[in-house]
Amino acid sequence: MSYALVILEAHGARADRGLEGGQAAYAAMLAFAQQLKERGQLVMTQALSTEQTRVRRSAQGVEVLDGPFTEAKELVGGIFVLQNVDRDQALRIAAECPAAAWATVELRALGPCFT
């Protein structure tokens, strides 16, 4: 089965880490991704920018809203897409993720949206 690990960070967490802390966190995440790749469990991973834009469509047209969005307490900092794992394995991988030390790692099964 396939799963996504969604890294949810508090607003400002990256800035609070500073340059040295950010570089150390990034290196840990790269090493983690490499381990998953070597085990054949990683489809892809990507850090996400803190810039945010929302697009909404209604009968009145399309509305584009640029962030930051003050109502959001967290932002999606990155994702890992896993393959060839069951739920228990995915939970163990989420617990091993370095980001679990400074962020929330949310586990989501991938599948059809109509079930």
PDB file of N, CA and C in Angstrom:
ATOM      1  N   MET A   1       0.841  -1.175   0.000  1.00  0.00           N
ATOM      2  CA  MET A   1       0.000   0.000   0.000  1.00  0.00           C
ATOM      3  C   MET A   1       0.888   1.241   0.000  1.00  0.00           C
ATOM      4  N   SER A   2       0.310   2.371  -0.335  1.00  0.00           N
ATOM      5  CA  SER A   2       1.050   3.634  -0.362  1.00  0.00           C
ATOM      6  C   SER A   2       0.509   4.585   0.695  1.00  0.00           C
ATOM      7  N   TYR A   3       1.409   5.356   1.264  1.00  0.00           N
ATOM      8  CA  TYR A   3       1.062   6.326   2.297  1.00  0.00           C
ATOM      9  C   TYR A   3       1.818   7.621   2.046  1.00  0.00           C
ATOM     10  N   ALA A   4       1.281   8.700   2.580  1.00  0.00           N
ATOM     11  CA  ALA A   4       1.980   9.982   2.580  1.00  0.00           C
ATOM     12  C   ALA A   4       2.282  10.362   4.019  1.00  0.00           C
ATOM     13  N   LEU A   5       3.483  10.813   4.246  1.00  0.00           N
ATOM     14  CA  LEU A   5       3.829  11.464   5.502  1.00  0.00           C
ATOM     15  C   LEU A   5       3.759  12.952   5.218  1.00  0.00           C
ATOM     16  N   VAL A   6       2.920  13.648   5.952  1.00  0.00           N
ATOM     17  CA  VAL A   6       2.746  15.083   5.778  1.00  0.00           C
ATOM     18  C   VAL A   6       3.357  15.757   7.000  1.00  0.00           C
ATOM     19  N   ILE A   7       4.338  16.609   6.777  1.00  0.00           N
ATOM     20  CA  ILE A   7       5.041  17.289   7.861  1.00  0.00           C
ATOM     21  C   ILE A   7       4.333  18.611   8.134  1.00  0.00           C
ATOM     22  N   LEU A   8       3.759  18.743   9.330  1.00  0.00           N
ATOM     23  CA  LEU A   8       3.034  19.954   9.724  1.00  0.00           C
ATOM     24  C   LEU A   8       3.872  20.723  10.734  1.00  0.00           C
ATOM     25  N   GLU A   9       4.286  21.912  10.350  1.00  0.00           N
ATOM     26  CA  GLU A   9       5.137  22.747  11.200  1.00  0.00           C
ATOM     27  C   GLU A   9       4.364  23.953  11.706  1.00  0.00           C
ATOM     28  N   ALA A  10       4.687  24.389  12.902  1.00  0.00           N
ATOM     29  CA  ALA A  10       4.105  25.622  13.424  1.00  0.00           C
ATOM     30  C   ALA A  10       4.623  26.795  12.599  1.00  0.00           C
ATOM     31  N   HIS A  11       3.770  27.799  12.405  1.00  0.00           N
ATOM     32  CA  HIS A  11       4.220  29.011  11.715  1.00  0.00           C
ATOM     33  C   HIS A  11       5.430  29.580  12.449  1.00  0.00           C
ATOM     34  N   GLY A  12       6.451  29.923  11.708  1.00  0.00           N
ATOM     35  CA  GLY A  12       7.649  30.521  12.288  1.00  0.00           C
ATOM     36  C   GLY A  12       8.684  29.524  12.772  1.00  0.00           C
ATOM     37  N   ALA A  13       8.381  28.228  12.725  1.00  0.00           N
ATOM     38  CA  ALA A  13       9.316  27.219  13.241  1.00  0.00           C
ATOM     39  C   ALA A  13      10.636  27.227  12.479  1.00  0.00           C
ATOM     40  N   ARG A  14      10.578  27.406  11.175  1.00  0.00           N
ATOM     41  CA  ARG A  14      11.813  27.409  10.385  1.00  0.00           C
ATOM     42  C   ARG A  14      12.693  28.596  10.761  1.00  0.00           C
ATOM     43  N   ALA A  15      12.096  29.748  10.882  1.00  0.00           N
ATOM     44  CA  ALA A  15      12.861  30.943  11.248  1.00  0.00           C
ATOM     45  C   ALA A  15      13.437  30.802  12.653  1.00  0.00           C
ATOM     46  N   ASP A  16      12.674  30.194  13.551  1.00  0.00           N
ATOM     47  CA  ASP A  16      13.133  30.020  14.931  1.00  0.00           C
ATOM     48  C   ASP A  16      14.349  29.102  15.022  1.00  0.00           C
ATOM     49  N   ARG A  17      14.491  28.149  14.088  1.00  0.00           N
ATOM     50  CA  ARG A  17      15.642  27.236  14.109  1.00  0.00           C
ATOM     51  C   ARG A  17      16.940  27.947  13.748  1.00  0.00           C
ATOM     52  N   GLY A  18      16.855  29.021  12.992  1.00  0.00           N
ATOM     53  CA  GLY A  18      18.049  29.720  12.543  1.00  0.00           C
ATOM     54  C   GLY A  18      18.761  28.945  11.448  1.00  0.00           C
ATOM     55  N   LEU A  19      19.792  29.549  10.896  1.00  0.00           N
ATOM     56  CA  LEU A  19      20.508  28.956   9.767  1.00  0.00           C
ATOM     57  C   LEU A  19      21.153  27.625  10.134  1.00  0.00           C
ATOM     58  N   GLU A  20      21.906  27.599  11.211  1.00  0.00           N
ATOM     59  CA  GLU A  20      22.609  26.375  11.600  1.00  0.00           C
ATOM     60  C   GLU A  20      21.626  25.253  11.942  1.00  0.00           C
ATOM     61  N   GLY A  21      20.592  25.570  12.692  1.00  0.00           N
ATOM     62  CA  GLY A  21      19.581  24.571  13.034  1.00  0.00           C
ATOM     63  C   GLY A  21      18.833  24.086  11.810  1.00  0.00           C
ATOM     64  N   GLY A  22      18.549  25.001  10.896  1.00  0.00           N
ATOM     65  CA  GLY A  22      17.867  24.632   9.661  1.00  0.00           C
ATOM     66  C   GLY A  22      18.711  23.713   8.792  1.00  0.00           C
ATOM     67  N   GLN A  23      20.005  24.010   8.706  1.00  0.00           N
ATOM     68  CA  GLN A  23      20.901  23.162   7.919  1.00  0.00           C
ATOM     69  C   GLN A  23      21.010  21.767   8.525  1.00  0.00           C
ATOM     70  N   ALA A  24      21.061  21.683   9.849  1.00  0.00           N
ATOM     71  CA  ALA A  24      21.134  20.381  10.519  1.00  0.00           C
ATOM     72  C   ALA A  24      19.846  19.590  10.303  1.00  0.00           C
ATOM     73  N   ALA A  25      18.710  20.264  10.401  1.00  0.00           N
ATOM     74  CA  ALA A  25      17.422  19.598  10.175  1.00  0.00           C
ATOM     75  C   ALA A  25      17.328  19.093   8.740  1.00  0.00           C
ATOM     76  N   TYR A  26      17.743  19.908   7.795  1.00  0.00           N
ATOM     77  CA  TYR A  26      17.691  19.524   6.382  1.00  0.00           C
ATOM     78  C   TYR A  26      18.593  18.318   6.109  1.00  0.00           C
ATOM     79  N   ALA A  27      19.787  18.317   6.686  1.00  0.00           N
ATOM     80  CA  ALA A  27      20.709  17.190   6.503  1.00  0.00           C
ATOM     81  C   ALA A  27      20.109  15.904   7.069  1.00  0.00           C
ATOM     82  N   ALA A  28      19.463  16.001   8.218  1.00  0.00           N
ATOM     83  CA  ALA A  28      18.826  14.823   8.824  1.00  0.00           C
ATOM     84  C   ALA A  28      17.700  14.303   7.941  1.00  0.00           C
ATOM     85  N   MET A  29      16.930  15.211   7.353  1.00  0.00           N
ATOM     86  CA  MET A  29      15.827  14.799   6.483  1.00  0.00           C
ATOM     87  C   MET A  29      16.351  14.166   5.192  1.00  0.00           C
ATOM     88  N   LEU A  30      17.440  14.697   4.640  1.00  0.00           N
ATOM     89  CA  LEU A  30      18.038  14.099   3.439  1.00  0.00           C
ATOM     90  C   LEU A  30      18.540  12.686   3.721  1.00  0.00           C
ATOM     91  N   ALA A  31      19.174  12.489   4.870  1.00  0.00           N
ATOM     92  CA  ALA A  31      19.669  11.161   5.235  1.00  0.00           C
ATOM     93  C   ALA A  31      18.507  10.188   5.424  1.00  0.00           C
ATOM     94  N   PHE A  32      17.437  10.646   6.052  1.00  0.00           N
ATOM     95  CA  PHE A  32      16.234   9.829   6.244  1.00  0.00           C
ATOM     96  C   PHE A  32      15.651   9.424   4.892  1.00  0.00           C
ATOM     97  N   ALA A  33      15.544  10.366   3.978  1.00  0.00           N
ATOM     98  CA  ALA A  33      15.014  10.079   2.642  1.00  0.00           C
ATOM     99  C   ALA A  33      15.897   9.062   1.917  1.00  0.00           C
ATOM    100  N   GLN A  34      17.193   9.184   2.059  1.00  0.00           N
ATOM    101  CA  GLN A  34      18.113   8.244   1.410  1.00  0.00           C
ATOM    102  C   GLN A  34      17.912   6.832   1.948  1.00  0.00           C
ATOM    103  N   GLN A  35      17.711   6.697   3.250  1.00  0.00           N
ATOM    104  CA  GLN A  35      17.457   5.373   3.843  1.00  0.00           C
ATOM    105  C   GLN A  35      16.187   4.758   3.261  1.00  0.00           C
ATOM    106  N   LEU A  36      15.128   5.560   3.159  1.00  0.00           N
ATOM    107  CA  LEU A  36      13.870   5.066   2.597  1.00  0.00           C
ATOM    108  C   LEU A  36      14.053   4.652   1.138  1.00  0.00           C
ATOM    109  N   LYS A  37      14.816   5.443   0.406  1.00  0.00           N
ATOM    110  CA  LYS A  37      15.075   5.136  -1.010  1.00  0.00           C
ATOM    111  C   LYS A  37      15.822   3.810  -1.139  1.00  0.00           C
ATOM    112  N   GLU A  38      16.841   3.617  -0.315  1.00  0.00           N
ATOM    113  CA  GLU A  38      17.631   2.387  -0.364  1.00  0.00           C
ATOM    114  C   GLU A  38      16.789   1.159  -0.022  1.00  0.00           C
ATOM    115  N   ARG A  39      15.764   1.324   0.805  1.00  0.00           N
ATOM    116  CA  ARG A  39      14.869   0.217   1.176  1.00  0.00           C
ATOM    117  C   ARG A  39      13.745   0.028   0.158  1.00  0.00           C
ATOM    118  N   GLY A  40      13.704   0.865  -0.882  1.00  0.00           N
ATOM    119  CA  GLY A  40      12.666   0.755  -1.898  1.00  0.00           C
ATOM    120  C   GLY A  40      11.298   1.216  -1.427  1.00  0.00           C
ATOM    121  N   GLN A  41      11.269   2.094  -0.430  1.00  0.00           N
ATOM    122  CA  GLN A  41      10.002   2.542   0.150  1.00  0.00           C
ATOM    123  C   GLN A  41       9.636   3.977  -0.213  1.00  0.00           C
ATOM    124  N   LEU A  42      10.521   4.699  -0.864  1.00  0.00           N
ATOM    125  CA  LEU A  42      10.283   6.114  -1.147  1.00  0.00           C
ATOM    126  C   LEU A  42       9.908   6.321  -2.608  1.00  0.00           C
ATOM    127  N   VAL A  43       8.749   6.914  -2.832  1.00  0.00           N
ATOM    128  CA  VAL A  43       8.342   7.315  -4.179  1.00  0.00           C
ATOM    129  C   VAL A  43       8.901   8.694  -4.474  1.00  0.00           C
ATOM    130  N   MET A  44       8.680   9.617  -3.551  1.00  0.00           N
ATOM    131  CA  MET A  44       9.191  10.980  -3.705  1.00  0.00           C
ATOM    132  C   MET A  44       9.096  11.701  -2.375  1.00  0.00           C
ATOM    133  N   THR A  45       9.880  12.753  -2.265  1.00  0.00           N
ATOM    134  CA  THR A  45       9.810  13.634  -1.106  1.00  0.00           C
ATOM    135  C   THR A  45      10.046  15.057  -1.589  1.00  0.00           C
ATOM    136  N   GLN A  46       9.455  16.009  -0.889  1.00  0.00           N
ATOM    137  CA  GLN A  46       9.637  17.403  -1.285  1.00  0.00           C
ATOM    138  C   GLN A  46       9.357  18.310  -0.101  1.00  0.00           C
ATOM    139  N   ALA A  47      10.285  19.215   0.167  1.00  0.00           N
ATOM    140  CA  ALA A  47      10.017  20.293   1.113  1.00  0.00           C
ATOM    141  C   ALA A  47       9.130  21.305   0.406  1.00  0.00           C
ATOM    142  N   LEU A  48       8.308  21.995   1.163  1.00  0.00           N
ATOM    143  CA  LEU A  48       7.417  22.995   0.583  1.00  0.00           C
ATOM    144  C   LEU A  48       7.778  24.374   1.104  1.00  0.00           C
ATOM    145  N   SER A  49       7.657  25.354   0.249  1.00  0.00           N
ATOM    146  CA  SER A  49       7.907  26.746   0.607  1.00  0.00           C
ATOM    147  C   SER A  49       6.874  27.211   1.626  1.00  0.00           C
ATOM    148  N   THR A  50       7.215  28.232   2.378  1.00  0.00           N
ATOM    149  CA  THR A  50       6.251  28.805   3.317  1.00  0.00           C
ATOM    150  C   THR A  50       5.273  29.747   2.622  1.00  0.00           C
ATOM    151  N   GLU A  51       5.540  30.091   1.360  1.00  0.00           N
ATOM    152  CA  GLU A  51       4.599  30.926   0.604  1.00  0.00           C
ATOM    153  C   GLU A  51       3.333  30.127   0.333  1.00  0.00           C
ATOM    154  N   GLN A  52       2.192  30.792   0.482  1.00  0.00           N
ATOM    155  CA  GLN A  52       0.917  30.099   0.327  1.00  0.00           C
ATOM    156  C   GLN A  52      -0.031  30.923  -0.528  1.00  0.00           C
ATOM    157  N   THR A  53      -0.764  30.252  -1.394  1.00  0.00           N
ATOM    158  CA  THR A  53      -1.815  30.880  -2.190  1.00  0.00           C
ATOM    159  C   THR A  53      -2.993  29.923  -2.226  1.00  0.00           C
ATOM    160  N   ARG A  54      -4.176  30.462  -2.060  1.00  0.00           N
ATOM    161  CA  ARG A  54      -5.399  29.657  -2.150  1.00  0.00           C
ATOM    162  C   ARG A  54      -6.186  30.095  -3.374  1.00  0.00           C
ATOM    163  N   VAL A  55      -6.774  29.132  -4.043  1.00  0.00           N
ATOM    164  CA  VAL A  55      -7.636  29.408  -5.189  1.00  0.00           C
ATOM    165  C   VAL A  55      -9.000  28.811  -4.885  1.00  0.00           C
ATOM    166  N   ARG A  56     -10.031  29.641  -5.000  1.00  0.00           N
ATOM    167  CA  ARG A  56     -11.406  29.186  -4.788  1.00  0.00           C
ATOM    168  C   ARG A  56     -12.239  29.574  -5.994  1.00  0.00           C
ATOM    169  N   ARG A  57     -13.083  28.660  -6.428  1.00  0.00           N
ATOM    170  CA  ARG A  57     -13.971  28.942  -7.544  1.00  0.00           C
ATOM    171  C   ARG A  57     -15.407  28.847  -7.049  1.00  0.00           C
ATOM    172  N   SER A  58     -16.208  29.820  -7.443  1.00  0.00           N
ATOM    173  CA  SER A  58     -17.629  29.833  -7.091  1.00  0.00           C
ATOM    174  C   SER A  58     -18.407  30.363  -8.288  1.00  0.00           C
ATOM    175  N   ALA A  59     -19.699  30.515  -8.119  1.00  0.00           N
ATOM    176  CA  ALA A  59     -20.539  31.060  -9.189  1.00  0.00           C
ATOM    177  C   ALA A  59     -20.122  32.488  -9.542  1.00  0.00           C
ATOM    178  N   GLN A  60     -19.498  33.187  -8.601  1.00  0.00           N
ATOM    179  CA  GLN A  60     -19.056  34.566  -8.832  1.00  0.00           C
ATOM    180  C   GLN A  60     -17.713  34.637  -9.553  1.00  0.00           C
ATOM    181  N   GLY A  61     -17.034  33.523  -9.691  1.00  0.00           N
ATOM    182  CA  GLY A  61     -15.750  33.514 -10.381  1.00  0.00           C
ATOM    183  C   GLY A  61     -14.659  32.875  -9.547  1.00  0.00           C
ATOM    184  N   VAL A  62     -13.434  33.144  -9.936  1.00  0.00           N
ATOM    185  CA  VAL A  62     -12.267  32.577  -9.267  1.00  0.00           C
ATOM    186  C   VAL A  62     -11.662  33.636  -8.361  1.00  0.00           C
ATOM    187  N   GLU A  63     -11.360  33.236  -7.140  1.00  0.00           N
ATOM    188  CA  GLU A  63     -10.743  34.134  -6.164  1.00  0.00           C
ATOM    189  C   GLU A  63      -9.370  33.571  -5.808  1.00  0.00           C
ATOM    190  N   VAL A  64      -8.346  34.406  -5.901  1.00  0.00           N
ATOM    191  CA  VAL A  64      -6.986  34.017  -5.551  1.00  0.00           C
ATOM    192  C   VAL A  64      -6.598  34.787  -4.300  1.00  0.00           C
ATOM    193  N   LEU A  65      -6.222  34.053  -3.257  1.00  0.00           N
ATOM    194  CA  LEU A  65      -5.857  34.659  -1.977  1.00  0.00           C
ATOM    195  C   LEU A  65      -4.412  34.313  -1.662  1.00  0.00           C
ATOM    196  N   ASP A  66      -3.590  35.325  -1.468  1.00  0.00           N
ATOM    197  CA  ASP A  66      -2.200  35.105  -1.088  1.00  0.00           C
ATOM    198  C   ASP A  66      -2.074  35.132   0.423  1.00  0.00           C
ATOM    199  N   GLY A  67      -1.279  34.180   0.970  1.00  0.00           N
ATOM    200  CA  GLY A  67      -1.046  34.096   2.411  1.00  0.00           C
ATOM    201  C   GLY A  67      -0.008  35.112   2.840  1.00  0.00           C
ATOM    202  N   PRO A  68       0.381  35.093   4.096  1.00  0.00           N
ATOM    203  CA  PRO A  68       0.081  34.043   5.064  1.00  0.00           C
ATOM    204  C   PRO A  68      -1.359  34.125   5.567  1.00  0.00           C
ATOM    205  N   PHE A  69      -1.854  32.978   5.996  1.00  0.00           N
ATOM    206  CA  PHE A  69      -3.213  32.880   6.491  1.00  0.00           C
ATOM    207  C   PHE A  69      -3.163  32.797   8.008  1.00  0.00           C
ATOM    208  N   THR A  70      -3.554  33.865   8.662  1.00  0.00           N
ATOM    209  CA  THR A  70      -3.404  33.964  10.111  1.00  0.00           C
ATOM    210  C   THR A  70      -4.236  32.950  10.871  1.00  0.00           C
ATOM    211  N   GLU A  71      -5.308  32.455  10.262  1.00  0.00           N
ATOM    212  CA  GLU A  71      -6.141  31.483  10.964  1.00  0.00           C
ATOM    213  C   GLU A  71      -5.484  30.103  11.038  1.00  0.00           C
ATOM    214  N   ALA A  72      -4.502  29.857  10.207  1.00  0.00           N
ATOM    215  CA  ALA A  72      -3.819  28.562  10.207  1.00  0.00           C
ATOM    216  C   ALA A  72      -2.709  28.571  11.253  1.00  0.00           C
ATOM    217  N   LYS A  73      -2.730  27.597  12.136  1.00  0.00           N
ATOM    218  CA  LYS A  73      -1.703  27.501  13.170  1.00  0.00           C
ATOM    219  C   LYS A  73      -0.470  26.744  12.669  1.00  0.00           C
ATOM    220  N   GLU A  74      -0.670  25.919  11.635  1.00  0.00           N
ATOM    221  CA  GLU A  74       0.417  25.122  11.083  1.00  0.00           C
ATOM    222  C   GLU A  74       0.464  25.295   9.573  1.00  0.00           C
ATOM    223  N   LEU A  75       1.604  24.947   9.011  1.00  0.00           N
ATOM    224  CA  LEU A  75       1.720  24.910   7.558  1.00  0.00           C
ATOM    225  C   LEU A  75       2.329  23.574   7.169  1.00  0.00           C
ATOM    226  N   VAL A  76       2.058  23.152   5.958  1.00  0.00           N
ATOM    227  CA  VAL A  76       2.636  21.903   5.464  1.00  0.00           C
ATOM    228  C   VAL A  76       4.067  22.208   5.040  1.00  0.00           C
ATOM    229  N   GLY A  77       5.016  21.636   5.761  1.00  0.00           N
ATOM    230  CA  GLY A  77       6.420  21.905   5.494  1.00  0.00           C
ATOM    231  C   GLY A  77       7.041  20.977   4.472  1.00  0.00           C
ATOM    232  N   GLY A  78       6.417  19.807   4.278  1.00  0.00           N
ATOM    233  CA  GLY A  78       6.951  18.861   3.315  1.00  0.00           C
ATOM    234  C   GLY A  78       6.148  17.581   3.302  1.00  0.00           C
ATOM    235  N   ILE A  79       6.458  16.737   2.323  1.00  0.00           N
ATOM    236  CA  ILE A  79       5.769  15.456   2.197  1.00  0.00           C
ATOM    237  C   ILE A  79       6.755  14.366   1.797  1.00  0.00           C
ATOM    238  N   PHE A  80       6.442  13.159   2.205  1.00  0.00           N
ATOM    239  CA  PHE A  80       7.113  11.945   1.754  1.00  0.00           C
ATOM    240  C   PHE A  80       6.015  11.030   1.243  1.00  0.00           C
ATOM    241  N   VAL A  81       6.176  10.459   0.073  1.00  0.00           N
ATOM    242  CA  VAL A  81       5.231   9.465  -0.435  1.00  0.00           C
ATOM    243  C   VAL A  81       5.929   8.114  -0.372  1.00  0.00           C
ATOM    244  N   LEU A  82       5.305   7.191   0.370  1.00  0.00           N
ATOM    245  CA  LEU A  82       5.865   5.864   0.604  1.00  0.00           C
ATOM    246  C   LEU A  82       5.137   4.817  -0.221  1.00  0.00           C
ATOM    247  N   GLN A  83       5.844   3.754  -0.570  1.00  0.00           N
ATOM    248  CA  GLN A  83       5.238   2.626  -1.284  1.00  0.00           C
ATOM    249  C   GLN A  83       5.711   1.329  -0.635  1.00  0.00           C
ATOM    250  N   ASN A  84       5.016   0.247  -0.944  1.00  0.00           N
ATOM    251  CA  ASN A  84       5.405  -1.088  -0.484  1.00  0.00           C
ATOM    252  C   ASN A  84       5.482  -1.197   1.034  1.00  0.00           C
ATOM    253  N   VAL A  85       4.576  -0.523   1.726  1.00  0.00           N
ATOM    254  CA  VAL A  85       4.538  -0.591   3.188  1.00  0.00           C
ATOM    255  C   VAL A  85       3.099  -0.825   3.638  1.00  0.00           C
ATOM    256  N   ASP A  86       2.954  -1.514   4.772  1.00  0.00           N
ATOM    257  CA  ASP A  86       1.633  -1.615   5.377  1.00  0.00           C
ATOM    258  C   ASP A  86       1.508  -0.513   6.425  1.00  0.00           C
ATOM    259  N   ARG A  87       0.358  -0.434   7.067  1.00  0.00           N
ATOM    260  CA  ARG A  87       0.108   0.662   8.015  1.00  0.00           C
ATOM    261  C   ARG A  87       1.111   0.642   9.170  1.00  0.00           C
ATOM    262  N   ASP A  88       1.388  -0.533   9.715  1.00  0.00           N
ATOM    263  CA  ASP A  88       2.330  -0.618  10.830  1.00  0.00           C
ATOM    264  C   ASP A  88       3.727  -0.153  10.421  1.00  0.00           C
ATOM    265  N   GLN A  89       4.160  -0.549   9.234  1.00  0.00           N
ATOM    266  CA  GLN A  89       5.463  -0.090   8.747  1.00  0.00           C
ATOM    267  C   GLN A  89       5.461   1.423   8.553  1.00  0.00           C
ATOM    268  N   ALA A  90       4.378   1.945   7.996  1.00  0.00           N
ATOM    269  CA  ALA A  90       4.285   3.392   7.768  1.00  0.00           C
ATOM    270  C   ALA A  90       4.312   4.154   9.087  1.00  0.00           C
ATOM    271  N   LEU A  91       3.657   3.615  10.116  1.00  0.00           N
ATOM    272  CA  LEU A  91       3.694   4.254  11.437  1.00  0.00           C
ATOM    273  C   LEU A  91       5.107   4.252  12.010  1.00  0.00           C
ATOM    274  N   ARG A  92       5.824   3.148  11.838  1.00  0.00           N
ATOM    275  CA  ARG A  92       7.211   3.098  12.316  1.00  0.00           C
ATOM    276  C   ARG A  92       8.079   4.111  11.567  1.00  0.00           C
ATOM    277  N   ILE A  93       7.870   4.205  10.267  1.00  0.00           N
ATOM    278  CA  ILE A  93       8.631   5.171   9.469  1.00  0.00           C
ATOM    279  C   ILE A  93       8.322   6.592   9.929  1.00  0.00           C
ATOM    280  N   ALA A  94       7.052   6.882  10.188  1.00  0.00           N
ATOM    281  CA  ALA A  94       6.675   8.217  10.675  1.00  0.00           C
ATOM    282  C   ALA A  94       7.365   8.523  11.998  1.00  0.00           C
ATOM    283  N   ALA A  95       7.441   7.531  12.876  1.00  0.00           N
ATOM    284  CA  ALA A  95       8.096   7.730  14.170  1.00  0.00           C
ATOM    285  C   ALA A  95       9.600   7.930  14.015  1.00  0.00           C
ATOM    286  N   GLU A  96      10.198   7.319  12.982  1.00  0.00           N
ATOM    287  CA  GLU A  96      11.634   7.467  12.710  1.00  0.00           C
ATOM    288  C   GLU A  96      11.968   8.796  12.041  1.00  0.00           C
ATOM    289  N   CYS A  97      10.984   9.442  11.462  1.00  0.00           N
ATOM    290  CA  CYS A  97      11.222  10.679  10.718  1.00  0.00           C
ATOM    291  C   CYS A  97      11.825  11.739  11.638  1.00  0.00           C
ATOM    292  N   PRO A  98      12.953  12.331  11.267  1.00  0.00           N
ATOM    293  CA  PRO A  98      13.560  13.360  12.109  1.00  0.00           C
ATOM    294  C   PRO A  98      12.613  14.514  12.434  1.00  0.00           C
ATOM    295  N   ALA A  99      11.713  14.842  11.517  1.00  0.00           N
ATOM    296  CA  ALA A  99      10.793  15.962  11.741  1.00  0.00           C
ATOM    297  C   ALA A  99       9.855  15.720  12.914  1.00  0.00           C
ATOM    298  N   ALA A 100       9.665  14.463  13.313  1.00  0.00           N
ATOM    299  CA  ALA A 100       8.791  14.173  14.453  1.00  0.00           C
ATOM    300  C   ALA A 100       9.317  14.814  15.736  1.00  0.00           C
ATOM    301  N   ALA A 101      10.592  15.219  15.753  1.00  0.00           N
ATOM    302  CA  ALA A 101      11.172  15.887  16.922  1.00  0.00           C
ATOM    303  C   ALA A 101      10.789  17.361  17.006  1.00  0.00           C
ATOM    304  N   TRP A 102      10.382  17.974  15.894  1.00  0.00           N
ATOM    305  CA  TRP A 102      10.061  19.406  15.915  1.00  0.00           C
ATOM    306  C   TRP A 102       8.736  19.747  15.244  1.00  0.00           C
ATOM    307  N   ALA A 103       8.064  18.755  14.690  1.00  0.00           N
ATOM    308  CA  ALA A 103       6.812  19.003  13.970  1.00  0.00           C
ATOM    309  C   ALA A 103       5.884  17.809  14.170  1.00  0.00           C
ATOM    310  N   THR A 104       4.703  17.905  13.627  1.00  0.00           N
ATOM    311  CA  THR A 104       3.778  16.781  13.608  1.00  0.00           C
ATOM    312  C   THR A 104       3.950  16.056  12.281  1.00  0.00           C
ATOM    313  N   VAL A 105       4.065  14.742  12.337  1.00  0.00           N
ATOM    314  CA  VAL A 105       4.139  13.931  11.127  1.00  0.00           C
ATOM    315  C   VAL A 105       2.802  13.207  11.008  1.00  0.00           C
ATOM    316  N   GLU A 106       2.024  13.621  10.040  1.00  0.00           N
ATOM    317  CA  GLU A 106       0.694  13.046   9.832  1.00  0.00           C
ATOM    318  C   GLU A 106       0.794  11.936   8.796  1.00  0.00           C
ATOM    319  N   LEU A 107       0.189  10.798   9.091  1.00  0.00           N
ATOM    320  CA  LEU A 107       0.193   9.656   8.186  1.00  0.00           C
ATOM    321  C   LEU A 107      -1.145   9.589   7.469  1.00  0.00           C
ATOM    322  N   ARG A 108      -1.107   9.548   6.139  1.00  0.00           N
ATOM    323  CA  ARG A 108      -2.331   9.479   5.335  1.00  0.00           C
ATOM    324  C   ARG A 108      -2.194   8.362   4.315  1.00  0.00           C
ATOM    325  N   ALA A 109      -3.162   7.445   4.305  1.00  0.00           N
ATOM    326  CA  ALA A 109      -3.193   6.406   3.277  1.00  0.00           C
ATOM    327  C   ALA A 109      -3.569   7.052   1.954  1.00  0.00           C
ATOM    328  N   LEU A 110      -2.961   6.586   0.875  1.00  0.00           N
ATOM    329  CA  LEU A 110      -3.299   7.082  -0.454  1.00  0.00           C
ATOM    330  C   LEU A 110      -4.322   6.141  -1.069  1.00  0.00           C
ATOM    331  N   GLY A 111      -5.302   6.707  -1.697  1.00  0.00           N
ATOM    332  CA  GLY A 111      -6.332   5.886  -2.303  1.00  0.00           C
ATOM    333  C   GLY A 111      -7.343   6.749  -3.016  1.00  0.00           C
ATOM    334  N   PRO A 112      -8.359   6.125  -3.561  1.00  0.00           N
ATOM    335  CA  PRO A 112      -9.368   6.888  -4.302  1.00  0.00           C
ATOM    336  C   PRO A 112     -10.149   7.821  -3.385  1.00  0.00           C
ATOM    337  N   CYS A 113     -10.564   8.946  -3.931  1.00  0.00           N
ATOM    338  CA  CYS A 113     -11.275   9.942  -3.126  1.00  0.00           C
ATOM    339  C   CYS A 113     -12.772   9.684  -3.053  1.00  0.00           C
ATOM    340  N   PHE A 114     -13.271   8.670  -3.708  1.00  0.00           N
ATOM    341  CA  PHE A 114     -14.713   8.454  -3.783  1.00  0.00           C
ATOM    342  C   PHE A 114     -15.211   7.352  -2.862  1.00  0.00           C
ATOM    343  N   THR A 115     -14.355   6.791  -2.013  1.00  0.00           N
ATOM    344  CA  THR A 115     -14.817   5.720  -1.131  1.00  0.00           C
ATOM    345  C   THR A 115     -15.262   6.252   0.205  1.00  0.00           C
TER     346      THR A 115
END
